Protein backbone atom coordinates (compact mmCIF):
# COMPACT_ATOMS: atom_id res chain seq x y z
CA MET A 1 6.30 18.09 33.10
CA THR A 2 5.10 16.43 36.28
CA ILE A 3 6.91 14.41 38.90
CA ALA A 4 5.44 11.11 40.03
CA SER A 5 5.22 11.22 43.81
CA ASN A 6 5.91 7.53 44.43
CA ASP A 7 9.12 6.95 42.52
CA PHE A 8 10.33 10.48 41.73
CA LYS A 9 10.60 9.65 38.02
CA GLN A 10 10.01 12.50 35.64
CA LYS A 11 7.01 12.11 33.36
CA ILE A 12 7.68 13.52 29.93
CA GLU A 13 4.77 14.67 27.81
CA MET A 14 5.00 13.21 24.32
CA THR A 15 3.11 14.68 21.39
CA PHE A 16 3.28 14.15 17.66
CA SER A 17 3.93 17.05 15.33
CA PRO A 18 0.76 18.26 13.60
CA ASP A 19 1.74 16.46 10.38
CA LYS A 20 2.32 13.17 12.20
CA LEU A 21 -0.91 13.56 14.16
CA ASN A 22 -2.78 13.99 10.86
CA LYS A 23 -1.09 10.83 9.59
CA VAL A 24 -2.18 8.97 12.74
CA GLN A 25 -5.78 10.07 12.12
CA GLU A 26 -5.53 8.86 8.51
CA ILE A 27 -4.24 5.48 9.69
CA ILE A 28 -6.98 5.10 12.30
CA ALA A 29 -9.62 6.00 9.69
CA ARG A 30 -8.59 2.96 7.61
CA TYR A 31 -10.18 0.64 10.17
CA PRO A 32 -13.77 0.15 11.32
CA GLU A 33 -14.97 2.07 14.38
CA GLU A 34 -13.94 0.47 17.66
CA ARG A 35 -11.11 -1.33 15.84
CA GLN A 36 -8.43 1.35 16.35
CA LYS A 37 -6.10 -1.31 17.78
CA SER A 38 -5.57 -2.40 14.19
CA ALA A 39 -3.63 0.85 13.69
CA LEU A 40 -1.10 -0.04 16.38
CA LEU A 41 1.81 -1.27 14.21
CA PRO A 42 1.91 1.70 11.82
CA VAL A 43 1.38 4.19 14.65
CA LEU A 44 4.27 2.63 16.59
CA HIS A 45 6.42 3.09 13.47
CA LEU A 46 5.45 6.77 13.38
CA ALA A 47 6.21 7.15 17.08
CA GLN A 48 9.61 5.54 16.70
CA GLU A 49 10.38 7.84 13.78
CA GLU A 50 9.11 10.95 15.57
CA PHE A 51 10.71 10.34 18.95
CA GLY A 52 14.35 9.68 18.11
CA GLY A 53 14.39 6.19 16.60
CA TRP A 54 13.20 4.30 19.66
CA LEU A 55 10.10 3.81 21.83
CA SER A 56 10.33 5.00 25.40
CA VAL A 57 7.66 4.03 27.91
CA GLU A 58 6.32 7.57 27.58
CA ALA A 59 6.07 7.22 23.80
CA MET A 60 4.26 3.88 24.12
CA ASP A 61 1.90 5.36 26.71
CA TYR A 62 1.18 8.22 24.32
CA VAL A 63 0.35 5.77 21.52
CA ALA A 64 -1.90 3.85 23.92
CA SER A 65 -3.78 7.06 24.75
CA LEU A 66 -4.21 7.97 21.08
CA LEU A 67 -5.61 4.55 20.24
CA GLN A 68 -7.63 4.26 23.46
CA LEU A 69 -5.74 1.14 24.53
CA GLU A 70 -4.30 -0.01 27.80
CA PRO A 71 -0.54 0.64 27.89
CA ILE A 72 0.16 -3.08 28.37
CA GLU A 73 -1.45 -3.77 24.97
CA VAL A 74 1.14 -1.49 23.36
CA TYR A 75 4.06 -2.89 25.40
CA GLU A 76 3.14 -6.45 24.38
CA VAL A 77 3.36 -5.58 20.70
CA ALA A 78 6.45 -3.36 20.93
CA THR A 79 8.41 -5.99 22.85
CA PHE A 80 7.39 -8.80 20.51
CA TYR A 81 8.64 -7.34 17.22
CA SER A 82 12.35 -6.73 16.63
CA MET A 83 11.55 -3.77 14.35
CA TYR A 84 10.81 -1.65 17.41
CA ASN A 85 13.70 -0.30 19.43
CA LEU A 86 13.08 -0.10 23.16
CA LYS A 87 16.24 1.84 23.91
CA PRO A 88 18.22 4.46 21.98
CA VAL A 89 20.00 3.13 18.90
CA GLY A 90 22.70 4.37 16.58
CA LYS A 91 22.17 6.22 13.35
CA TYR A 92 22.78 2.93 11.51
CA VAL A 93 21.22 -0.26 12.88
CA PHE A 94 22.67 -3.52 11.59
CA GLU A 95 19.94 -6.14 11.98
CA VAL A 96 21.62 -9.44 11.15
CA CYS A 97 19.44 -12.47 10.53
CA GLN A 98 20.35 -15.36 12.83
CA THR A 99 17.92 -18.08 11.76
CA GLY A 100 18.79 -21.43 10.18
CA PRO A 101 19.55 -20.61 6.54
CA CYS A 102 21.62 -17.55 7.43
CA MET A 103 23.46 -19.46 10.17
CA LEU A 104 24.25 -22.27 7.73
CA ARG A 105 25.72 -19.65 5.38
CA GLY A 106 27.87 -17.99 8.08
CA SER A 107 25.80 -15.34 9.86
CA ASP A 108 27.49 -16.24 13.16
CA ASP A 109 30.85 -15.36 11.62
CA ILE A 110 29.40 -12.11 10.23
CA ILE A 111 27.98 -11.17 13.63
CA ALA A 112 31.34 -11.92 15.30
CA TYR A 113 33.15 -9.88 12.65
CA ILE A 114 30.85 -6.87 13.12
CA GLN A 115 31.33 -7.13 16.89
CA GLN A 116 35.10 -7.17 16.47
CA LYS A 117 35.13 -4.43 13.83
CA LEU A 118 32.86 -2.03 15.76
CA GLY A 119 33.97 -3.03 19.28
CA ILE A 120 30.42 -3.70 20.46
CA ASN A 121 28.30 -6.70 21.38
CA VAL A 122 24.84 -7.57 20.11
CA GLY A 123 22.35 -5.04 21.48
CA GLU A 124 24.98 -2.34 21.96
CA THR A 125 25.70 0.96 20.25
CA THR A 126 29.12 2.36 19.43
CA PRO A 127 30.26 5.20 21.73
CA ASP A 128 29.95 7.70 18.86
CA GLY A 129 26.27 6.77 18.44
CA LEU A 130 26.79 5.74 14.84
CA PHE A 131 26.16 1.96 14.88
CA THR A 132 23.92 -0.48 16.73
CA LEU A 133 24.12 -4.25 16.24
CA LYS A 134 21.00 -6.36 16.59
CA VAL A 135 20.25 -9.97 15.74
CA VAL A 136 16.80 -10.70 14.39
CA GLU A 137 14.70 -13.63 13.33
CA CYS A 138 14.05 -14.46 9.70
CA LEU A 139 13.88 -11.48 7.36
CA GLY A 140 12.47 -13.61 4.56
CA ALA A 141 15.46 -13.52 2.22
CA CYS A 142 16.91 -16.98 2.83
CA GLY A 143 18.20 -17.30 -0.72
CA TYR A 144 20.49 -14.33 -0.12
CA ALA A 145 22.04 -15.55 3.13
CA PRO A 146 23.80 -14.41 5.14
CA MET A 147 22.01 -11.10 5.13
CA MET A 148 20.99 -8.15 7.24
CA GLN A 149 18.65 -5.23 7.16
CA LEU A 150 20.09 -1.72 7.27
CA GLY A 151 17.28 0.79 7.51
CA LYS A 152 14.78 -0.04 4.78
CA PHE A 153 17.27 -2.02 2.70
CA TYR A 154 18.56 -5.57 2.72
CA ARG A 155 22.28 -6.24 2.41
CA GLU A 156 22.77 -9.73 1.05
CA HIS A 157 25.42 -12.43 0.54
CA LEU A 158 27.44 -10.81 3.32
CA THR A 159 31.19 -11.29 3.58
CA LYS A 160 33.79 -9.56 5.74
CA GLU A 161 34.70 -7.42 2.76
CA LYS A 162 31.09 -6.39 2.22
CA ILE A 163 30.77 -5.53 5.93
CA ASP A 164 33.89 -3.34 5.68
CA ALA A 165 32.39 -1.56 2.65
CA ILE A 166 29.01 -1.07 4.39
CA ILE A 167 30.66 0.38 7.49
CA GLU A 168 32.76 2.75 5.36
CA GLU A 169 29.68 3.77 3.36
CA CYS A 170 27.81 4.57 6.58
CA ILE A 171 30.73 6.59 7.97
CA GLN A 172 30.96 8.57 4.73
CA ASN A 173 27.20 9.19 4.65
CA ALA A 174 27.25 10.35 8.25
CA ALA A 175 30.09 12.78 7.49
CA ILE A 176 28.24 14.19 4.46
CA ASN A 177 24.94 14.56 6.33
CA ASN A 178 26.38 16.28 9.41
């Protein structure tokens, strides 16, 4: 670890595990030489998975170095897409769609209910680190509105009762897996 002389911030060295580094090399090999930037999205996913569920500046800098990119090129992509977390998040991230069809079907009420139920605002994490609430743009499931993404799965036709059941399911899963 080194200390930056100008701002006294600690610089943390980030490295992938050997398995993840092999996966990065496989991803890069999918693309023509000198086109390693094409690997950016999947490598950012790996970094987020490897480094605690979010992308610190150090993690993004590490990805930039692996892909031989300028750090700003990585920051631009990571800040554009809602699937990347730029600060620590809870074990369960509720990503509620807030675009037109979901809003017409009550996503604003669902968001307000989740806020009230968990005692957090959009972009916040519960004090126990279990839940984070995010709002996102269209998730491409307009016919199932209102809906949200929870991990790799969609939760559709949301109601207050379904939100209660999802929260309870997450709490039970967390208890079993700890």
